[in-house]
Amino acid sequence: MVAHYLDAEMRVRWSLVQLAETYRANDAIVVPLSQEELAELAGTTRATVNRVLREEEDRGVVSLRRRRVSILEAGTLKRGIRGLPAF
């Protein structure tokens, strides 16, 4: 699994990219998960998820609402993942 090669912050971003594929509906991507649930998926803490989401919100990549993350710029989010192994 690719995520094993990533640090905690990058695993959060990678999880969001993967979830974007699942929750894409037309032009909207809304992931209906809590920060705690995202933390479990990424194998990190809710505090790390919160920090990453706030950083991405400040960059205009995501929009946050209670138990929802709207991904506004999936391509930007994916390009921001550093540390992926070369295949």
N, C-alpha and C. Protein backbone atom coordinates (compact mmCIF):
# COMPACT_ATOMS: atom_id res chain seq x y z
N MET A 1 0.84 -1.19 0.00
CA MET A 1 0.00 0.00 0.00
C MET A 1 0.88 1.24 0.00
N VAL A 2 0.58 2.18 -0.84
CA VAL A 2 1.38 3.39 -1.01
C VAL A 2 1.46 4.22 0.26
N ALA A 3 0.40 4.30 1.01
CA ALA A 3 0.35 5.17 2.18
C ALA A 3 1.39 4.82 3.24
N HIS A 4 1.91 3.61 3.24
CA HIS A 4 2.93 3.23 4.22
C HIS A 4 4.21 4.03 4.05
N TYR A 5 4.43 4.59 2.88
CA TYR A 5 5.64 5.34 2.59
C TYR A 5 5.51 6.82 2.95
N LEU A 6 4.35 7.23 3.39
CA LEU A 6 4.07 8.65 3.61
C LEU A 6 4.07 9.00 5.09
N ASP A 7 4.44 10.26 5.39
CA ASP A 7 4.31 10.72 6.78
C ASP A 7 2.83 10.99 7.07
N ALA A 8 2.51 11.28 8.32
CA ALA A 8 1.11 11.40 8.75
C ALA A 8 0.35 12.46 7.96
N GLU A 9 0.94 13.62 7.76
CA GLU A 9 0.24 14.69 7.03
C GLU A 9 -0.04 14.29 5.59
N MET A 10 0.92 13.63 4.96
CA MET A 10 0.72 13.20 3.58
C MET A 10 -0.30 12.06 3.51
N ARG A 11 -0.38 11.21 4.55
CA ARG A 11 -1.40 10.15 4.57
C ARG A 11 -2.80 10.74 4.64
N VAL A 12 -2.96 11.85 5.34
CA VAL A 12 -4.27 12.51 5.38
C VAL A 12 -4.63 12.99 3.98
N ARG A 13 -3.69 13.64 3.33
CA ARG A 13 -3.95 14.12 1.96
C ARG A 13 -4.23 12.96 1.01
N TRP A 14 -3.44 11.90 1.12
CA TRP A 14 -3.64 10.72 0.27
C TRP A 14 -5.03 10.11 0.50
N SER A 15 -5.44 10.03 1.75
CA SER A 15 -6.78 9.51 2.06
C SER A 15 -7.86 10.36 1.42
N LEU A 16 -7.71 11.67 1.48
CA LEU A 16 -8.69 12.56 0.85
C LEU A 16 -8.74 12.36 -0.66
N VAL A 17 -7.58 12.19 -1.28
CA VAL A 17 -7.54 11.96 -2.73
C VAL A 17 -8.27 10.66 -3.07
N GLN A 18 -8.03 9.62 -2.28
CA GLN A 18 -8.70 8.34 -2.52
C GLN A 18 -10.22 8.47 -2.30
N LEU A 19 -10.62 9.17 -1.25
CA LEU A 19 -12.04 9.36 -0.97
C LEU A 19 -12.72 10.22 -2.04
N ALA A 20 -11.97 11.12 -2.65
CA ALA A 20 -12.53 11.97 -3.71
C ALA A 20 -13.05 11.12 -4.85
N GLU A 21 -12.35 10.05 -5.16
CA GLU A 21 -12.79 9.15 -6.23
C GLU A 21 -14.14 8.52 -5.88
N THR A 22 -14.31 8.16 -4.62
CA THR A 22 -15.53 7.50 -4.17
C THR A 22 -16.71 8.46 -4.11
N TYR A 23 -16.47 9.67 -3.62
CA TYR A 23 -17.56 10.61 -3.35
C TYR A 23 -17.77 11.66 -4.43
N ARG A 24 -17.12 11.52 -5.56
CA ARG A 24 -17.31 12.47 -6.67
C ARG A 24 -18.72 12.29 -7.24
N ALA A 25 -19.46 13.38 -7.33
CA ALA A 25 -20.79 13.38 -7.93
C ALA A 25 -20.89 14.60 -8.83
N ASN A 26 -20.85 14.36 -10.13
CA ASN A 26 -20.81 15.44 -11.11
C ASN A 26 -19.56 16.27 -10.85
N ASP A 27 -19.70 17.55 -10.58
CA ASP A 27 -18.54 18.41 -10.34
C ASP A 27 -18.26 18.60 -8.85
N ALA A 28 -19.05 18.00 -7.99
CA ALA A 28 -18.88 18.18 -6.55
C ALA A 28 -18.24 16.95 -5.92
N ILE A 29 -17.39 17.21 -4.94
CA ILE A 29 -16.81 16.14 -4.14
C ILE A 29 -17.01 16.50 -2.68
N VAL A 30 -17.91 15.78 -2.02
CA VAL A 30 -18.19 16.03 -0.61
C VAL A 30 -17.97 14.72 0.14
N VAL A 31 -16.98 14.72 1.02
CA VAL A 31 -16.65 13.54 1.81
C VAL A 31 -17.39 13.66 3.15
N PRO A 32 -18.38 12.79 3.39
CA PRO A 32 -19.21 12.90 4.60
C PRO A 32 -18.65 12.14 5.81
N LEU A 33 -17.41 12.47 6.18
CA LEU A 33 -16.78 11.80 7.30
C LEU A 33 -16.30 12.83 8.32
N SER A 34 -16.29 12.44 9.58
CA SER A 34 -15.77 13.30 10.63
C SER A 34 -14.24 13.30 10.61
N GLN A 35 -13.65 14.23 11.32
CA GLN A 35 -12.19 14.26 11.42
C GLN A 35 -11.68 13.01 12.12
N GLU A 36 -12.41 12.51 13.07
CA GLU A 36 -12.03 11.28 13.76
C GLU A 36 -12.01 10.10 12.79
N GLU A 37 -13.03 10.01 11.94
CA GLU A 37 -13.09 8.93 10.95
C GLU A 37 -11.95 9.06 9.94
N LEU A 38 -11.66 10.28 9.51
CA LEU A 38 -10.54 10.49 8.60
C LEU A 38 -9.21 10.10 9.26
N ALA A 39 -9.08 10.41 10.54
CA ALA A 39 -7.86 10.05 11.28
C ALA A 39 -7.68 8.53 11.31
N GLU A 40 -8.77 7.80 11.53
CA GLU A 40 -8.69 6.34 11.54
C GLU A 40 -8.26 5.81 10.18
N LEU A 41 -8.82 6.37 9.11
CA LEU A 41 -8.45 5.93 7.77
C LEU A 41 -6.99 6.22 7.45
N ALA A 42 -6.50 7.36 7.90
CA ALA A 42 -5.13 7.78 7.60
C ALA A 42 -4.12 7.22 8.59
N GLY A 43 -4.59 6.60 9.65
CA GLY A 43 -3.69 6.06 10.66
C GLY A 43 -2.94 7.14 11.42
N THR A 44 -3.67 8.18 11.79
CA THR A 44 -3.06 9.30 12.52
C THR A 44 -4.05 9.83 13.55
N THR A 45 -3.77 10.98 14.12
CA THR A 45 -4.64 11.55 15.15
C THR A 45 -5.61 12.57 14.55
N ARG A 46 -6.68 12.83 15.29
CA ARG A 46 -7.63 13.84 14.86
C ARG A 46 -6.96 15.20 14.81
N ALA A 47 -6.03 15.47 15.72
CA ALA A 47 -5.32 16.75 15.72
C ALA A 47 -4.52 16.95 14.43
N THR A 48 -3.89 15.90 13.94
CA THR A 48 -3.15 15.99 12.67
C THR A 48 -4.11 16.24 11.52
N VAL A 49 -5.23 15.53 11.51
CA VAL A 49 -6.24 15.73 10.46
C VAL A 49 -6.73 17.17 10.50
N ASN A 50 -7.02 17.68 11.68
CA ASN A 50 -7.51 19.05 11.82
C ASN A 50 -6.49 20.04 11.27
N ARG A 51 -5.22 19.86 11.61
CA ARG A 51 -4.17 20.77 11.13
C ARG A 51 -4.06 20.74 9.60
N VAL A 52 -4.06 19.54 9.02
CA VAL A 52 -3.94 19.41 7.57
C VAL A 52 -5.15 20.03 6.88
N LEU A 53 -6.34 19.74 7.39
CA LEU A 53 -7.55 20.30 6.78
C LEU A 53 -7.57 21.82 6.85
N ARG A 54 -7.14 22.38 7.96
CA ARG A 54 -7.08 23.85 8.09
C ARG A 54 -6.07 24.45 7.11
N GLU A 55 -4.92 23.78 6.95
CA GLU A 55 -3.93 24.25 5.97
C GLU A 55 -4.52 24.23 4.56
N GLU A 56 -5.18 23.14 4.23
CA GLU A 56 -5.77 23.02 2.89
C GLU A 56 -6.93 23.99 2.70
N GLU A 57 -7.67 24.26 3.76
CA GLU A 57 -8.75 25.25 3.68
C GLU A 57 -8.16 26.63 3.43
N ASP A 58 -7.08 26.97 4.11
CA ASP A 58 -6.42 28.27 3.91
C ASP A 58 -5.91 28.42 2.48
N ARG A 59 -5.52 27.31 1.87
CA ARG A 59 -5.04 27.33 0.48
C ARG A 59 -6.18 27.31 -0.54
N GLY A 60 -7.42 27.13 -0.07
CA GLY A 60 -8.57 27.09 -0.98
C GLY A 60 -8.77 25.73 -1.65
N VAL A 61 -8.16 24.70 -1.10
CA VAL A 61 -8.25 23.37 -1.69
C VAL A 61 -9.48 22.62 -1.19
N VAL A 62 -9.85 22.85 0.06
CA VAL A 62 -11.03 22.21 0.64
C VAL A 62 -11.88 23.27 1.34
N SER A 63 -13.13 22.91 1.58
CA SER A 63 -14.05 23.72 2.37
C SER A 63 -14.57 22.81 3.47
N LEU A 64 -14.57 23.31 4.70
CA LEU A 64 -14.95 22.48 5.84
C LEU A 64 -16.30 22.87 6.41
N ARG A 65 -17.09 21.83 6.73
CA ARG A 65 -18.33 21.99 7.46
C ARG A 65 -18.44 20.81 8.39
N ARG A 66 -19.35 20.88 9.29
CA ARG A 66 -19.49 19.80 10.28
C ARG A 66 -19.67 18.44 9.59
N ARG A 67 -18.75 17.51 9.89
CA ARG A 67 -18.77 16.15 9.34
C ARG A 67 -18.77 16.11 7.82
N ARG A 68 -18.19 17.15 7.20
CA ARG A 68 -18.11 17.18 5.74
C ARG A 68 -16.86 17.92 5.30
N VAL A 69 -16.21 17.35 4.31
CA VAL A 69 -15.09 18.03 3.68
C VAL A 69 -15.42 18.11 2.20
N SER A 70 -15.58 19.32 1.69
CA SER A 70 -15.78 19.51 0.26
C SER A 70 -14.41 19.72 -0.37
N ILE A 71 -14.08 18.88 -1.32
CA ILE A 71 -12.79 19.00 -2.00
C ILE A 71 -13.02 19.87 -3.23
N LEU A 72 -12.41 21.04 -3.22
CA LEU A 72 -12.61 22.02 -4.28
C LEU A 72 -11.56 21.88 -5.39
N GLU A 73 -10.37 21.46 -5.02
CA GLU A 73 -9.25 21.35 -5.96
C GLU A 73 -8.56 20.00 -5.77
N ALA A 74 -9.16 18.93 -6.30
CA ALA A 74 -8.61 17.59 -6.11
C ALA A 74 -7.22 17.46 -6.74
N GLY A 75 -7.02 18.07 -7.89
CA GLY A 75 -5.72 18.01 -8.55
C GLY A 75 -4.64 18.67 -7.73
N THR A 76 -4.95 19.82 -7.15
CA THR A 76 -3.99 20.52 -6.29
C THR A 76 -3.68 19.68 -5.07
N LEU A 77 -4.69 19.06 -4.50
CA LEU A 77 -4.50 18.20 -3.34
C LEU A 77 -3.56 17.04 -3.68
N LYS A 78 -3.79 16.41 -4.82
CA LYS A 78 -2.95 15.28 -5.24
C LYS A 78 -1.52 15.71 -5.51
N ARG A 79 -1.35 16.85 -6.16
CA ARG A 79 0.00 17.33 -6.45
C ARG A 79 0.76 17.70 -5.18
N GLY A 80 0.03 17.98 -4.09
CA GLY A 80 0.67 18.35 -2.84
C GLY A 80 1.18 17.19 -2.02
N ILE A 81 0.98 15.97 -2.51
CA ILE A 81 1.44 14.79 -1.77
C ILE A 81 2.89 14.52 -2.15
N ARG A 82 3.77 14.71 -1.18
CA ARG A 82 5.19 14.46 -1.36
C ARG A 82 5.56 13.11 -0.76
N GLY A 83 6.52 12.45 -1.34
CA GLY A 83 7.01 11.22 -0.76
C GLY A 83 6.45 9.95 -1.38
N LEU A 84 5.68 10.09 -2.46
CA LEU A 84 5.18 8.88 -3.12
C LEU A 84 6.35 8.16 -3.77
N PRO A 85 6.40 6.83 -3.66
CA PRO A 85 7.49 6.08 -4.30
C PRO A 85 7.33 6.10 -5.81
N ALA A 86 8.43 6.03 -6.52
CA ALA A 86 8.38 5.97 -7.99
C ALA A 86 8.04 4.53 -8.40
N PHE A 87 7.09 4.41 -9.30
CA PHE A 87 6.71 3.08 -9.79
C PHE A 87 7.24 2.89 -11.19
